[in-house]
């Protein structure tokens, strides 16, 4: 499973939890944040164990991962707020907001968290 597969699993969990929380009348920003945090946990585990097969100490990678994804979460929530304020539903707005941060996360995680060069095949 590659980065896209790991991201797909995490995104499905993220968005699924978001939809469930929305149906339970949780505020859309809180629902998006909770879903995102769930996705972070799943994504980190899959990326560390299966995608990058990291053997480095857990703490530094986890801290860098959390920092990278917390910045991405802030960006996602900001975009979501703008899109909902502009008239989109939270479901569509969050889908678009998630899509916008996926590409950024790929480069940040690969370089900043797991320290692999983009052209590396290791």
N, C-alpha and C. Protein backbone atom coordinates (compact mmCIF):
# COMPACT_ATOMS: atom_id res chain seq x y z
N UNK A 1 0.86 -1.18 0.00
CA UNK A 1 0.00 0.00 0.00
C UNK A 1 0.90 1.23 0.00
N UNK A 2 0.63 2.16 -0.92
CA UNK A 2 1.41 3.37 -1.02
C UNK A 2 0.76 4.52 -0.28
N UNK A 3 1.37 5.69 -0.44
CA UNK A 3 0.89 6.89 0.22
C UNK A 3 -0.56 7.19 -0.16
N UNK A 4 -0.90 7.00 -1.43
CA UNK A 4 -2.26 7.28 -1.88
C UNK A 4 -3.25 6.33 -1.21
N UNK A 5 -2.89 5.06 -1.12
CA UNK A 5 -3.76 4.08 -0.45
C UNK A 5 -3.95 4.40 1.02
N UNK A 6 -2.83 4.73 1.68
CA UNK A 6 -2.91 5.10 3.10
C UNK A 6 -3.77 6.34 3.28
N UNK A 7 -3.56 7.31 2.40
CA UNK A 7 -4.36 8.52 2.46
C UNK A 7 -5.82 8.26 2.17
N UNK A 8 -6.08 7.35 1.25
CA UNK A 8 -7.46 7.00 0.93
C UNK A 8 -8.19 6.38 2.11
N UNK A 9 -7.53 5.44 2.78
CA UNK A 9 -8.13 4.81 3.96
C UNK A 9 -8.37 5.86 5.05
N UNK A 10 -7.37 6.69 5.30
CA UNK A 10 -7.50 7.73 6.33
C UNK A 10 -8.58 8.75 5.96
N UNK A 11 -8.66 9.11 4.69
CA UNK A 11 -9.65 10.09 4.25
C UNK A 11 -11.07 9.52 4.36
N UNK A 12 -11.24 8.26 4.02
CA UNK A 12 -12.56 7.63 4.18
C UNK A 12 -12.98 7.61 5.64
N UNK A 13 -12.06 7.28 6.54
CA UNK A 13 -12.37 7.30 7.97
C UNK A 13 -12.69 8.72 8.43
N UNK A 14 -11.87 9.67 8.00
CA UNK A 14 -12.05 11.08 8.34
C UNK A 14 -13.43 11.56 7.89
N UNK A 15 -13.73 11.37 6.61
CA UNK A 15 -14.97 11.90 6.07
C UNK A 15 -16.18 11.13 6.61
N UNK A 16 -16.04 9.83 6.79
CA UNK A 16 -17.13 9.03 7.36
C UNK A 16 -17.49 9.49 8.75
N UNK A 17 -16.49 9.71 9.58
CA UNK A 17 -16.75 10.19 10.94
C UNK A 17 -17.34 11.59 10.91
N UNK A 18 -16.86 12.43 10.00
CA UNK A 18 -17.41 13.77 9.82
C UNK A 18 -18.91 13.71 9.52
N UNK A 19 -19.31 12.85 8.59
CA UNK A 19 -20.72 12.73 8.21
C UNK A 19 -21.55 12.22 9.39
N UNK A 20 -21.03 11.23 10.09
CA UNK A 20 -21.75 10.70 11.26
C UNK A 20 -21.97 11.79 12.30
N UNK A 21 -20.92 12.54 12.59
CA UNK A 21 -21.04 13.61 13.59
C UNK A 21 -21.99 14.71 13.13
N UNK A 22 -21.97 15.03 11.84
CA UNK A 22 -22.93 16.01 11.32
C UNK A 22 -24.36 15.54 11.53
N UNK A 23 -24.60 14.28 11.28
CA UNK A 23 -25.95 13.70 11.46
C UNK A 23 -26.38 13.72 12.93
N UNK A 24 -25.39 13.76 13.82
CA UNK A 24 -25.68 13.84 15.26
C UNK A 24 -25.76 15.29 15.73
N UNK A 25 -25.82 16.23 14.77
CA UNK A 25 -25.93 17.67 15.03
C UNK A 25 -24.72 18.29 15.70
N UNK A 26 -23.54 17.72 15.46
CA UNK A 26 -22.30 18.32 15.93
C UNK A 26 -21.96 19.45 14.95
N UNK A 27 -21.46 20.57 15.45
CA UNK A 27 -21.03 21.68 14.60
C UNK A 27 -20.08 21.17 13.52
N UNK A 28 -20.24 21.66 12.29
CA UNK A 28 -19.46 21.14 11.17
C UNK A 28 -17.95 21.33 11.34
N UNK A 29 -17.52 22.42 11.97
CA UNK A 29 -16.08 22.61 12.18
C UNK A 29 -15.54 21.62 13.20
N UNK A 30 -16.28 21.39 14.27
CA UNK A 30 -15.87 20.40 15.28
C UNK A 30 -15.88 19.00 14.67
N UNK A 31 -16.92 18.70 13.88
CA UNK A 31 -17.01 17.39 13.24
C UNK A 31 -15.83 17.18 12.29
N UNK A 32 -15.47 18.21 11.54
CA UNK A 32 -14.33 18.12 10.62
C UNK A 32 -13.03 17.90 11.39
N UNK A 33 -12.86 18.60 12.49
CA UNK A 33 -11.64 18.47 13.30
C UNK A 33 -11.53 17.07 13.90
N UNK A 34 -12.62 16.55 14.44
CA UNK A 34 -12.59 15.21 15.04
C UNK A 34 -12.31 14.16 13.97
N UNK A 35 -12.96 14.27 12.82
CA UNK A 35 -12.70 13.34 11.73
C UNK A 35 -11.25 13.40 11.29
N UNK A 36 -10.72 14.60 11.21
CA UNK A 36 -9.35 14.79 10.76
C UNK A 36 -8.36 14.15 11.74
N UNK A 37 -8.57 14.32 13.02
CA UNK A 37 -7.68 13.74 14.02
C UNK A 37 -7.72 12.21 13.92
N UNK A 38 -8.89 11.65 13.71
CA UNK A 38 -9.01 10.20 13.51
C UNK A 38 -8.20 9.78 12.28
N UNK A 39 -8.33 10.55 11.21
CA UNK A 39 -7.58 10.27 9.99
C UNK A 39 -6.08 10.36 10.19
N UNK A 40 -5.65 11.31 11.01
CA UNK A 40 -4.22 11.46 11.30
C UNK A 40 -3.67 10.20 11.95
N UNK A 41 -4.37 9.66 12.92
CA UNK A 41 -3.91 8.46 13.61
C UNK A 41 -3.78 7.28 12.65
N UNK A 42 -4.80 7.11 11.82
CA UNK A 42 -4.78 6.01 10.85
C UNK A 42 -3.67 6.22 9.83
N UNK A 43 -3.58 7.42 9.30
CA UNK A 43 -2.58 7.73 8.28
C UNK A 43 -1.16 7.55 8.79
N UNK A 44 -0.89 8.05 9.99
CA UNK A 44 0.46 7.91 10.54
C UNK A 44 0.84 6.44 10.67
N UNK A 45 -0.06 5.66 11.21
CA UNK A 45 0.24 4.23 11.42
C UNK A 45 0.53 3.53 10.11
N UNK A 46 -0.32 3.74 9.11
CA UNK A 46 -0.12 3.08 7.82
C UNK A 46 1.16 3.58 7.15
N UNK A 47 1.36 4.90 7.15
CA UNK A 47 2.55 5.45 6.50
C UNK A 47 3.83 4.97 7.17
N UNK A 48 3.87 5.00 8.47
CA UNK A 48 5.08 4.60 9.19
C UNK A 48 5.38 3.12 8.99
N UNK A 49 4.35 2.29 9.11
CA UNK A 49 4.57 0.84 9.08
C UNK A 49 4.64 0.25 7.68
N UNK A 50 3.78 0.70 6.78
CA UNK A 50 3.67 0.05 5.48
C UNK A 50 4.27 0.84 4.32
N UNK A 51 4.10 2.14 4.32
CA UNK A 51 4.55 2.93 3.18
C UNK A 51 6.05 3.22 3.26
N UNK A 52 6.48 3.83 4.36
CA UNK A 52 7.88 4.22 4.49
C UNK A 52 8.71 3.20 5.27
N UNK A 53 8.06 2.27 5.93
CA UNK A 53 8.72 1.21 6.72
C UNK A 53 9.84 1.79 7.57
N UNK A 54 9.48 2.82 8.30
CA UNK A 54 10.46 3.55 9.08
C UNK A 54 10.96 2.71 10.26
N UNK A 55 12.25 2.77 10.48
CA UNK A 55 12.89 2.09 11.62
C UNK A 55 13.42 3.12 12.62
N UNK A 56 13.19 4.39 12.34
CA UNK A 56 13.67 5.46 13.21
C UNK A 56 12.86 5.49 14.50
N UNK A 57 13.36 6.19 15.52
CA UNK A 57 12.60 6.32 16.76
C UNK A 57 11.23 6.96 16.49
N UNK A 58 10.23 6.48 17.20
CA UNK A 58 8.85 6.92 16.99
C UNK A 58 8.62 8.39 17.32
N UNK A 59 9.13 8.86 18.44
CA UNK A 59 8.79 10.21 18.92
C UNK A 59 9.09 11.33 17.95
N UNK A 60 10.30 11.43 17.38
CA UNK A 60 10.56 12.55 16.47
C UNK A 60 9.65 12.54 15.24
N UNK A 61 9.40 11.35 14.67
CA UNK A 61 8.53 11.27 13.51
C UNK A 61 7.09 11.63 13.88
N UNK A 62 6.64 11.15 15.01
CA UNK A 62 5.27 11.44 15.44
C UNK A 62 5.08 12.93 15.68
N UNK A 63 6.04 13.56 16.31
CA UNK A 63 5.95 15.00 16.57
C UNK A 63 5.92 15.77 15.26
N UNK A 64 6.81 15.44 14.32
CA UNK A 64 6.82 16.12 13.02
C UNK A 64 5.52 15.87 12.26
N UNK A 65 5.02 14.66 12.34
CA UNK A 65 3.77 14.30 11.66
C UNK A 65 2.61 15.12 12.23
N UNK A 66 2.52 15.17 13.54
CA UNK A 66 1.44 15.93 14.17
C UNK A 66 1.54 17.41 13.83
N UNK A 67 2.74 17.96 13.83
CA UNK A 67 2.91 19.37 13.46
C UNK A 67 2.46 19.62 12.02
N UNK A 68 2.89 18.76 11.13
CA UNK A 68 2.53 18.93 9.71
C UNK A 68 1.02 18.84 9.54
N UNK A 69 0.40 17.87 10.19
CA UNK A 69 -1.03 17.67 10.01
C UNK A 69 -1.86 18.69 10.79
N UNK A 70 -1.35 19.23 11.85
CA UNK A 70 -2.08 20.29 12.54
C UNK A 70 -2.12 21.57 11.71
N UNK A 71 -1.03 21.85 11.01
CA UNK A 71 -1.02 22.99 10.07
C UNK A 71 -2.02 22.73 8.95
N UNK A 72 -2.02 21.51 8.43
CA UNK A 72 -2.97 21.15 7.37
C UNK A 72 -4.41 21.21 7.88
N UNK A 73 -4.63 20.80 9.13
CA UNK A 73 -5.97 20.89 9.72
C UNK A 73 -6.43 22.34 9.80
N UNK A 74 -5.56 23.22 10.23
CA UNK A 74 -5.91 24.65 10.29
C UNK A 74 -6.28 25.16 8.90
N UNK A 75 -5.51 24.76 7.90
CA UNK A 75 -5.80 25.18 6.52
C UNK A 75 -7.15 24.61 6.07
N UNK A 76 -7.38 23.33 6.38
CA UNK A 76 -8.64 22.70 5.99
C UNK A 76 -9.83 23.39 6.64
N UNK A 77 -9.73 23.67 7.93
CA UNK A 77 -10.85 24.31 8.63
C UNK A 77 -11.08 25.73 8.10
N UNK A 78 -10.00 26.43 7.78
CA UNK A 78 -10.14 27.77 7.21
C UNK A 78 -10.84 27.75 5.86
N UNK A 79 -10.43 26.82 5.01
CA UNK A 79 -11.06 26.68 3.69
C UNK A 79 -12.52 26.26 3.86
N UNK A 80 -12.77 25.32 4.75
CA UNK A 80 -14.14 24.87 5.01
C UNK A 80 -15.03 26.02 5.44
N UNK A 81 -14.55 26.83 6.37
CA UNK A 81 -15.32 27.98 6.85
C UNK A 81 -15.63 28.94 5.70
N UNK A 82 -14.65 29.21 4.87
CA UNK A 82 -14.85 30.11 3.73
C UNK A 82 -15.89 29.54 2.77
N UNK A 83 -15.78 28.25 2.47
CA UNK A 83 -16.71 27.63 1.52
C UNK A 83 -18.14 27.58 2.06
N UNK A 84 -18.29 27.27 3.33
CA UNK A 84 -19.63 27.23 3.93
C UNK A 84 -20.21 28.65 3.99
N UNK A 85 -19.40 29.61 4.36
CA UNK A 85 -19.85 31.01 4.39
C UNK A 85 -20.26 31.47 2.99
N UNK A 86 -19.59 30.94 1.96
CA UNK A 86 -19.91 31.29 0.58
C UNK A 86 -21.17 30.58 0.08
N UNK A 87 -21.70 29.66 0.86
CA UNK A 87 -22.97 29.04 0.48
C UNK A 87 -22.95 27.55 0.22
N UNK A 88 -21.78 26.91 0.25
CA UNK A 88 -21.74 25.47 0.05
C UNK A 88 -22.21 24.74 1.30
N UNK A 89 -22.70 23.53 1.13
CA UNK A 89 -23.06 22.73 2.30
C UNK A 89 -21.78 22.27 2.99
N UNK A 90 -21.84 21.98 4.29
CA UNK A 90 -20.64 21.48 4.98
C UNK A 90 -20.08 20.19 4.34
N UNK A 91 -20.95 19.32 3.85
CA UNK A 91 -20.50 18.08 3.25
C UNK A 91 -19.65 18.34 2.01
N UNK A 92 -20.13 19.21 1.14
CA UNK A 92 -19.37 19.52 -0.09
C UNK A 92 -18.15 20.37 0.25
N UNK A 93 -18.31 21.35 1.13
CA UNK A 93 -17.20 22.20 1.52
C UNK A 93 -16.06 21.40 2.13
N UNK A 94 -16.39 20.45 2.99
CA UNK A 94 -15.34 19.65 3.62
C UNK A 94 -14.67 18.72 2.61
N UNK A 95 -15.44 18.18 1.69
CA UNK A 95 -14.85 17.35 0.64
C UNK A 95 -13.83 18.12 -0.17
N UNK A 96 -14.18 19.34 -0.54
CA UNK A 96 -13.25 20.19 -1.30
C UNK A 96 -12.04 20.60 -0.45
N UNK A 97 -12.28 20.92 0.81
CA UNK A 97 -11.19 21.34 1.69
C UNK A 97 -10.20 20.19 1.90
N UNK A 98 -10.71 18.99 2.08
CA UNK A 98 -9.84 17.83 2.24
C UNK A 98 -9.02 17.62 0.98
N UNK A 99 -9.65 17.72 -0.18
CA UNK A 99 -8.94 17.53 -1.44
C UNK A 99 -7.79 18.53 -1.60
N UNK A 100 -8.00 19.75 -1.14
CA UNK A 100 -6.96 20.76 -1.29
C UNK A 100 -5.70 20.49 -0.48
N UNK A 101 -5.86 19.84 0.68
CA UNK A 101 -4.68 19.61 1.52
C UNK A 101 -3.98 18.28 1.25
N UNK A 102 -4.60 17.39 0.47
CA UNK A 102 -4.00 16.07 0.22
C UNK A 102 -2.65 16.17 -0.47
N UNK A 103 -2.56 16.95 -1.52
CA UNK A 103 -1.30 17.06 -2.27
C UNK A 103 -0.22 17.68 -1.40
N UNK A 104 -0.55 18.74 -0.70
CA UNK A 104 0.40 19.37 0.20
C UNK A 104 0.91 18.37 1.23
N UNK A 105 0.01 17.59 1.80
CA UNK A 105 0.41 16.61 2.81
C UNK A 105 1.39 15.57 2.27
N UNK A 106 1.22 15.16 1.02
CA UNK A 106 2.14 14.19 0.44
C UNK A 106 3.58 14.68 0.51
N UNK A 107 3.79 15.91 0.04
CA UNK A 107 5.15 16.45 0.01
C UNK A 107 5.69 16.71 1.41
N UNK A 108 4.86 17.23 2.28
CA UNK A 108 5.29 17.54 3.64
C UNK A 108 5.65 16.26 4.40
N UNK A 109 4.79 15.25 4.31
CA UNK A 109 5.05 14.00 5.04
C UNK A 109 6.29 13.31 4.52
N UNK A 110 6.41 13.25 3.22
CA UNK A 110 7.57 12.54 2.64
C UNK A 110 8.88 13.22 2.99
N UNK A 111 8.92 14.54 2.92
CA UNK A 111 10.17 15.27 3.16
C UNK A 111 10.41 15.59 4.63
N UNK A 112 9.42 16.15 5.28
CA UNK A 112 9.58 16.67 6.64
C UNK A 112 9.46 15.59 7.71
N UNK A 113 8.56 14.65 7.52
CA UNK A 113 8.32 13.66 8.57
C UNK A 113 9.24 12.45 8.43
N UNK A 114 9.22 11.82 7.27
CA UNK A 114 9.97 10.59 7.10
C UNK A 114 11.30 10.79 6.40
N UNK A 115 11.59 12.04 5.98
CA UNK A 115 12.90 12.41 5.49
C UNK A 115 13.34 11.75 4.21
N UNK A 116 12.42 11.36 3.34
CA UNK A 116 12.80 10.74 2.08
C UNK A 116 12.74 11.76 0.97
N UNK A 117 13.73 11.68 0.07
CA UNK A 117 13.72 12.55 -1.10
C UNK A 117 12.64 12.09 -2.04
N UNK A 118 12.09 13.03 -2.80
CA UNK A 118 10.98 12.73 -3.68
C UNK A 118 11.31 11.67 -4.74
N UNK A 119 12.54 11.59 -5.17
CA UNK A 119 12.89 10.62 -6.21
C UNK A 119 13.49 9.35 -5.64
N UNK A 120 13.56 9.25 -4.33
CA UNK A 120 14.13 8.08 -3.69
C UNK A 120 13.23 6.87 -3.89
N UNK A 121 13.83 5.72 -4.10
CA UNK A 121 13.05 4.48 -4.24
C UNK A 121 13.28 3.58 -3.03
N UNK A 122 13.85 4.09 -1.98
CA UNK A 122 14.11 3.28 -0.79
C UNK A 122 12.90 3.15 0.06
